[in-house]
Amino acid sequence: MQHPWLRQTTALFSLYAIPAFRDNYIWAIAPHHSDELCLIDPGSAEPALQLATDLQRSIRYILITHCHADHIGGVAELMQHGDIQLFTPAHEAYVWQMPQQSLAQHHDVSKQHIDYIVIGRIRIQVLQIPGHTQGHNGYWLKAPDAHAVDHARARARGRGAAAHRAD
């Protein structure tokens, strides 16, 4: 049975739009090659944890576009659920209410000059697109069989999780 939040499936991943609040979504990328889950802007932990449970996956990555509460409200709770890498934009004011050890896997993509994030075979390009907020980021996935979806597109590349800097 297809999950009701499924929006798109490509050769590499499935993309889910998790309803959050009245008028927002948490985006989730579920790679086909692993049991991992990548969240984009988890404003609330509960629906993201529900999707992870439904899909029998572990949340391993959180990507933040900007620091508004409806995009980061669930981060503190989610970081307590395993070894999660957190990617955030610079020039944003974050108030993390979580133990400092939870921030060990925190990557400030602008300060570290990260151009793309690799999750297994999926390459996610980091785009600095100030406007909505000064430090706003976008994430672009690109794949031969994918089309534009809000923050997401995908393309095959490498193995393992990594953040890559411009040289």
Foldseek 3Di string as FASTA:
>chain_A
DDDPQFDDDDPFWTWGWFDDDDDGTWIWTGTPVAQEIEIEQQLAQVSVVVVSVVSVGQYAEYEYQAADNSRCVHVQVNLVRDHHAYEYEPPHDHDRPHDPVSCPNYHHCVVQQFQWKDEAQKIWGWAQDPDVHRGGIAIEADDPPDDDDGRYHTYTDHGDIDTDHDD
